[in-house]
C-alpha cells in the first residue's frame, strides 16, 4: 500500500501533494458545494394560481385572505373558490376534523371563526395593552415596558412575562423563517385574530367542494369576512404575522419549547414567505391590502 504524502512544515509547498491525496475530503466538499449551489439557483416553490379564476381585482383580493390555510392543506390553487384540489378522502377528513357534516354546521363553524376568532380573554388583554403602548410611543414597546403596563393593569407578573416572551420569540422566529426582509422589522403583533380569519376564508371555499354552497354564495361569505376582519390589520405582512404567531399560540396553548415552532410554525412561516414574494407569484406581493 503506497504511503500517504507527508507534509514538511518547513516547506509550505509540500502541503500540495498532501491536499491532492485527500480525495475523499474534496469529494465531500464538492457535493456540499453543489447542493448549496442548486438550492441557491433553483427557484423556491411558487404559488401557482388557477387560470379559471381571477388573480387580481376584488374577488382575488378577498380570497387571498385565506392563502395560508388554503396553501397549507393544500385544497387547490389559492384563488380557486371551489377547493378543487380536495380528494374525497380529504373531504371526509375535513368534515370530521371541523365537525361540519351538514350545511348548517358548516355555516356555524364559519360564524364562530369570524366572531369568536379563537380568542382567549387574557391574551386579548395583554395584546390590547401592547397596542395602547405602541399608540402612545409610536413604536413597539420593549418587554419591560409591556410587562410593567400589564402588571399596572392588574395582571400577575409571571404569566404576563411568559406571554410577552412567547410573542416576542415567535415574532423573531416567523420573520426569520419567512425570509430576510420579507416582514418589516417594525411589524409586530397586536392581535392573534389572523389565524381564525384566514381559516374562515378557507373553510368557506371548502363548502363548495363539500356541496354546501355554490361559488356565488361563498364569494358573498368571503366578502363579509373581509369587511369584518381587515380593519384590525395594517398590511399583508401584519396580517400574516398575526396568522403565523396565532397558529403556534393556539396549538401550543401558549407553552413554548425548543420544538414548538418547528412543529406548528415553520411551514406556515415558509408559506408566508411565498405569499409575500412576487418572484414566487405570491398574491400578497401584488394585491393591495386596502380594498
Protein backbone atom coordinates (compact mmCIF):
# COMPACT_ATOMS: atom_id res chain seq x y z
CA UNK A 1 0.00 0.00 0.00
CA UNK A 2 1.54 3.37 -1.02
CA UNK A 3 2.42 5.76 1.76
CA UNK A 4 0.32 8.90 2.14
CA UNK A 5 2.04 12.12 1.17
CA UNK A 6 3.85 13.67 4.09
CA UNK A 7 3.84 17.36 4.98
CA UNK A 8 7.10 19.17 5.65
CA UNK A 9 6.08 22.08 7.83
CA UNK A 10 9.31 23.86 6.88
CA UNK A 11 8.22 23.84 3.25
CA UNK A 12 4.81 25.36 2.55
CA UNK A 13 4.65 23.80 -0.92
CA UNK A 14 4.80 20.29 0.49
CA UNK A 15 1.15 20.64 1.52
CA UNK A 16 0.04 20.49 -2.13
CA UNK A 17 0.55 16.74 -2.70
CA UNK A 18 -0.97 16.11 0.74
CA UNK A 19 -4.13 18.01 -0.19
CA UNK A 20 -4.33 16.16 -3.50
CA UNK A 21 -4.09 12.89 -1.65
CA UNK A 22 -7.15 13.68 0.46
CA UNK A 23 -9.51 12.95 -2.46
CA UNK A 24 -12.32 11.75 -0.19
CA UNK A 25 -12.33 15.08 1.65
CA UNK A 26 -12.58 17.06 -1.58
CA UNK A 27 -15.34 14.77 -2.85
CA UNK A 28 -17.42 15.57 0.23
CA UNK A 29 -16.72 19.28 -0.10
CA UNK A 30 -17.70 19.14 -3.77
CA UNK A 31 -21.04 17.51 -3.04
CA UNK A 32 -21.86 20.04 -0.32
CA UNK A 33 -20.97 22.98 -2.58
CA UNK A 34 -23.03 21.51 -5.42
CA UNK A 35 -26.10 21.10 -3.21
CA UNK A 36 -25.74 24.66 -1.94
CA UNK A 37 -25.49 26.00 -5.49
CA UNK A 38 -28.57 24.05 -6.58
CA UNK A 39 -30.54 25.39 -3.61
CA UNK A 40 -29.41 28.93 -4.38
CA UNK A 41 -30.00 28.82 -8.13
CA UNK A 42 -33.29 26.95 -8.29
CA UNK A 43 -36.42 29.00 -7.55
CA UNK A 44 -38.49 28.12 -4.50
CA UNK A 45 -41.99 26.71 -4.72
CA UNK A 46 -44.41 29.07 -6.42
CA UNK A 47 -47.99 29.89 -5.56
CA UNK A 48 -49.42 29.00 -8.93
CA UNK A 49 -52.96 30.35 -9.35
CA UNK A 50 -55.83 28.77 -11.25
CA UNK A 51 -56.28 30.05 -14.78
CA UNK A 52 -60.05 29.66 -14.33
CA UNK A 53 -60.33 32.32 -11.64
CA UNK A 54 -59.15 35.93 -11.33
CA UNK A 55 -55.74 36.80 -9.91
CA UNK A 56 -56.50 40.49 -9.43
CA UNK A 57 -59.50 42.61 -8.56
CA UNK A 58 -61.84 42.30 -5.56
CA UNK A 59 -62.58 38.56 -5.83
CA UNK A 60 -58.89 37.63 -5.91
CA UNK A 61 -58.01 40.11 -3.17
CA UNK A 62 -60.68 38.82 -0.82
CA UNK A 63 -59.97 35.11 -1.24
CA UNK A 64 -56.24 35.84 -0.81
CA UNK A 65 -57.00 36.40 2.88
CA UNK A 66 -57.25 32.61 3.14
CA UNK A 67 -53.97 31.93 1.31
CA UNK A 68 -52.02 30.48 4.24
CA UNK A 69 -54.72 27.95 5.16
CA UNK A 70 -55.56 27.07 1.55
CA UNK A 71 -51.89 26.64 0.68
CA UNK A 72 -51.15 24.68 3.84
CA UNK A 73 -53.71 21.92 3.30
CA UNK A 74 -53.49 22.29 0.26
CA UNK A 75 -57.01 22.41 -1.14
CA UNK A 76 -56.21 23.78 -4.58
CA UNK A 77 -54.84 26.99 -6.14
CA UNK A 78 -55.10 29.95 -3.76
CA UNK A 79 -57.61 31.79 -6.00
CA UNK A 80 -59.93 28.82 -6.53
CA UNK A 81 -63.18 29.27 -4.54
CA UNK A 82 -64.22 25.67 -5.28
CA UNK A 83 -61.32 23.97 -3.45
CA UNK A 84 -60.91 21.73 -6.47
CA UNK A 85 -57.78 20.08 -5.11
CA UNK A 86 -59.58 18.22 -2.33
CA UNK A 87 -59.84 14.45 -2.71
CA UNK A 88 -62.83 12.50 -1.43
CA UNK A 89 -60.74 11.24 1.48
CA UNK A 90 -59.64 14.78 2.36
CA UNK A 91 -63.25 15.94 2.27
CA UNK A 92 -64.25 13.25 4.75
CA UNK A 93 -61.30 14.21 6.97
CA UNK A 94 -62.31 17.87 6.90
CA UNK A 95 -65.88 17.01 7.86
CA UNK A 96 -64.63 15.01 10.86
CA UNK A 97 -61.96 17.47 11.96
CA UNK A 98 -64.17 20.53 11.70
CA UNK A 99 -67.40 18.90 12.78
CA UNK A 100 -69.30 20.04 9.68
CA UNK A 101 -71.38 17.10 8.40
CA UNK A 102 -74.18 19.46 7.34
CA UNK A 103 -74.55 22.84 5.69
CA UNK A 104 -75.88 24.42 8.89
CA UNK A 105 -72.90 23.22 10.91
CA UNK A 106 -70.52 24.46 8.21
CA UNK A 107 -72.10 27.93 8.33
CA UNK A 108 -71.98 27.89 12.14
CA UNK A 109 -68.27 26.97 12.09
CA UNK A 110 -67.50 29.91 9.81
CA UNK A 111 -69.50 32.20 12.07
CA UNK A 112 -67.57 31.06 15.14
CA UNK A 113 -64.25 31.76 13.47
CA UNK A 114 -65.34 35.21 12.33
CA UNK A 115 -66.94 36.24 15.64
CA UNK A 116 -65.06 34.35 18.37
CA UNK A 117 -61.75 34.17 16.44
CA UNK A 118 -60.29 31.55 18.80
CA UNK A 119 -59.74 34.35 21.32
CA UNK A 120 -58.63 33.91 24.91
CA UNK A 121 -59.58 36.87 27.03
CA UNK A 122 -56.31 37.18 28.92
CA UNK A 123 -54.27 37.08 25.69
CA UNK A 124 -56.53 39.71 24.15
CA UNK A 125 -55.98 41.96 27.17
CA UNK A 126 -52.19 41.60 27.02
CA UNK A 127 -52.14 42.46 23.32
CA UNK A 128 -54.50 45.41 23.82
CA UNK A 129 -52.02 46.80 26.35
CA UNK A 130 -49.23 46.42 23.79
CA UNK A 131 -51.31 48.21 21.17
CA UNK A 132 -52.07 51.06 23.57
CA UNK A 133 -48.40 51.49 24.44
CA UNK A 134 -47.46 51.49 20.77
CA UNK A 135 -50.10 54.10 20.05
CA UNK A 136 -48.63 56.33 22.75
CA UNK A 137 -44.93 55.88 21.95
CA UNK A 138 -45.10 55.33 18.19
CA UNK A 139 -43.12 52.09 18.41
CA UNK A 140 -43.34 48.54 19.66
CA UNK A 141 -42.96 48.60 23.45
CA UNK A 142 -39.98 46.86 24.97
CA UNK A 143 -40.53 43.75 27.05
CA UNK A 144 -40.05 45.54 30.37
CA UNK A 145 -42.49 48.29 29.40
CA UNK A 146 -45.12 45.80 28.23
CA UNK A 147 -44.91 43.59 31.31
CA UNK A 148 -44.96 46.58 33.65
CA UNK A 149 -48.04 48.01 31.94
CA UNK A 150 -49.77 44.64 32.23
CA UNK A 151 -48.99 44.47 35.95
CA UNK A 152 -50.28 48.00 36.44
CA UNK A 153 -53.49 46.91 34.69
CA UNK A 154 -53.93 44.14 37.27
CA UNK A 155 -52.14 41.17 35.69
CA UNK A 156 -49.85 38.81 37.60
CA UNK A 157 -46.26 39.43 36.59
CA UNK A 158 -45.14 35.84 35.91
CA UNK A 159 -47.87 34.81 33.41
CA UNK A 160 -47.69 38.24 31.78
CA UNK A 161 -43.94 37.92 31.31
CA UNK A 162 -44.34 34.37 29.97
CA UNK A 163 -46.85 35.56 27.39
CA UNK A 164 -44.68 38.51 26.35
CA UNK A 165 -41.66 36.22 25.94
CA UNK A 166 -43.71 33.81 23.81
CA UNK A 167 -45.00 36.51 21.47
CA UNK A 168 -41.61 38.18 21.02
CA UNK A 169 -39.90 34.83 20.46
CA UNK A 170 -42.43 33.75 17.86
CA UNK A 171 -42.22 37.08 16.05
CA UNK A 172 -38.47 36.63 15.65
CA UNK A 173 -38.84 33.02 14.53
CA UNK A 174 -41.56 33.77 11.98
CA UNK A 175 -39.66 36.71 10.49
CA UNK A 176 -36.51 34.63 10.15
CA UNK A 177 -38.28 31.63 8.60
CA UNK A 178 -40.31 33.79 6.19
CA UNK A 179 -37.11 35.14 4.70
CA UNK A 180 -34.83 38.11 5.15
CA UNK A 181 -36.64 41.45 4.88
CA UNK A 182 -39.92 39.72 3.99
CA UNK A 183 -41.68 41.12 7.05
CA UNK A 184 -40.62 44.66 8.01
CA UNK A 185 -38.70 44.82 11.28
CA UNK A 186 -41.18 47.32 12.71
CA UNK A 187 -44.14 44.96 12.21
CA UNK A 188 -45.38 43.42 15.45
CA UNK A 189 -48.42 41.52 16.68
CA UNK A 190 -51.32 43.33 18.34
CA UNK A 191 -53.91 40.60 17.72
CA UNK A 192 -53.88 36.86 17.09
CA UNK A 193 -57.11 37.04 15.07
CA UNK A 194 -55.32 36.47 11.77
CA UNK A 195 -55.30 32.71 12.26
CA UNK A 196 -59.06 32.31 12.69
CA UNK A 197 -59.80 34.85 9.94
CA UNK A 198 -57.62 33.04 7.42
CA UNK A 199 -59.20 29.73 8.37
CA UNK A 200 -62.70 31.12 7.90
CA UNK A 201 -61.99 32.06 4.28
CA UNK A 202 -60.55 28.63 3.54
CA UNK A 203 -63.47 26.91 5.27
CA UNK A 204 -65.86 28.92 3.11
CA UNK A 205 -64.22 27.60 -0.08
CA UNK A 206 -64.29 24.04 1.25
CA UNK A 207 -68.06 24.37 1.49
CA UNK A 208 -68.27 24.43 -2.31
CA UNK A 209 -66.27 21.19 -2.54
CA UNK A 210 -68.50 19.63 0.13
CA UNK A 211 -71.65 20.58 -1.77
CA UNK A 212 -72.95 23.00 0.86
CA UNK A 213 -72.95 26.15 -1.30
CA UNK A 214 -72.22 27.48 -4.77
CA UNK A 215 -69.46 29.91 -5.74
CA UNK A 216 -71.73 32.96 -5.68
CA UNK A 217 -72.77 32.35 -2.09
CA UNK A 218 -69.21 31.63 -0.99
CA UNK A 219 -67.91 34.80 -2.64
CA UNK A 220 -70.51 36.67 -0.59
CA UNK A 221 -69.38 34.99 2.63
CA UNK A 222 -65.74 35.77 1.90
CA UNK A 223 -66.64 39.40 1.20
CA UNK A 224 -68.33 39.70 4.59
CA UNK A 225 -65.33 38.09 6.30
CA UNK A 226 -63.03 40.65 4.71
CA UNK A 227 -65.23 43.57 5.71
CA UNK A 228 -65.22 42.38 9.32
CA UNK A 229 -61.52 41.48 9.51
CA UNK A 230 -59.45 43.96 7.54
CA UNK A 231 -59.76 46.98 9.87
CA UNK A 232 -57.78 45.09 12.55
CA UNK A 233 -54.67 44.91 10.35
CA UNK A 234 -52.44 47.43 8.58
CA UNK A 235 -50.94 45.34 5.79
CA UNK A 236 -50.45 41.85 4.40
CA UNK A 237 -47.26 41.32 6.49
CA UNK A 238 -49.16 42.47 9.58
CA UNK A 239 -51.98 40.02 8.88
CA UNK A 240 -49.60 37.19 8.00
CA UNK A 241 -47.55 37.64 11.16
CA UNK A 242 -50.76 37.56 13.21
CA UNK A 243 -51.84 34.35 11.46
CA UNK A 244 -48.49 32.57 11.94
CA UNK A 245 -47.99 33.59 15.57
CA UNK A 246 -51.66 32.94 16.33
CA UNK A 247 -51.44 29.43 14.91
CA UNK A 248 -48.49 28.49 17.09
CA UNK A 249 -50.04 30.04 20.21
CA UNK A 250 -53.33 28.22 19.60
CA UNK A 251 -51.89 24.75 19.08
CA UNK A 252 -49.22 25.06 21.77
CA UNK A 253 -51.65 26.60 24.25
CA UNK A 254 -49.07 29.34 24.68
CA UNK A 255 -46.49 26.95 26.16
CA UNK A 256 -43.33 27.04 24.04
CA UNK A 257 -40.31 24.76 23.98
CA UNK A 258 -37.44 24.10 21.56
CA UNK A 259 -39.67 22.05 19.25
CA UNK A 260 -42.82 24.17 19.28
CA UNK A 261 -42.03 26.40 16.33
CA UNK A 262 -40.74 23.51 14.21
CA UNK A 263 -43.99 21.67 14.81
CA UNK A 264 -46.57 24.44 14.49
CA UNK A 265 -44.91 27.42 12.84
CA UNK A 266 -42.09 26.57 10.45
CA UNK A 267 -44.18 25.52 7.45
CA UNK A 268 -46.64 28.39 7.93
CA UNK A 269 -43.82 30.94 8.08
CA UNK A 270 -42.36 29.43 4.91
CA UNK A 271 -45.75 29.77 3.20
CA UNK A 272 -45.87 33.36 4.43
CA UNK A 273 -42.60 33.96 2.61
CA UNK A 274 -44.20 32.59 -0.56
CA UNK A 275 -47.31 34.74 -0.17
CA UNK A 276 -45.22 37.91 0.07
CA UNK A 277 -42.82 37.07 -2.77
CA UNK A 278 -43.56 38.50 -6.21
CA UNK A 279 -40.85 36.25 -7.70
CA UNK A 280 -42.74 33.21 -6.42
CA UNK A 281 -46.11 34.55 -7.61
CA UNK A 282 -47.28 35.28 -4.09
CA UNK A 283 -50.60 37.15 -4.26
CA UNK A 284 -49.82 39.35 -1.27
CA UNK A 285 -46.84 40.83 -3.11
CA UNK A 286 -49.04 42.45 -5.75
CA UNK A 287 -52.56 42.77 -4.33
CA UNK A 288 -53.22 45.92 -2.27
CA UNK A 289 -54.20 45.49 1.36
CA UNK A 290 -56.90 48.14 1.30
CA UNK A 291 -59.95 47.01 -0.65
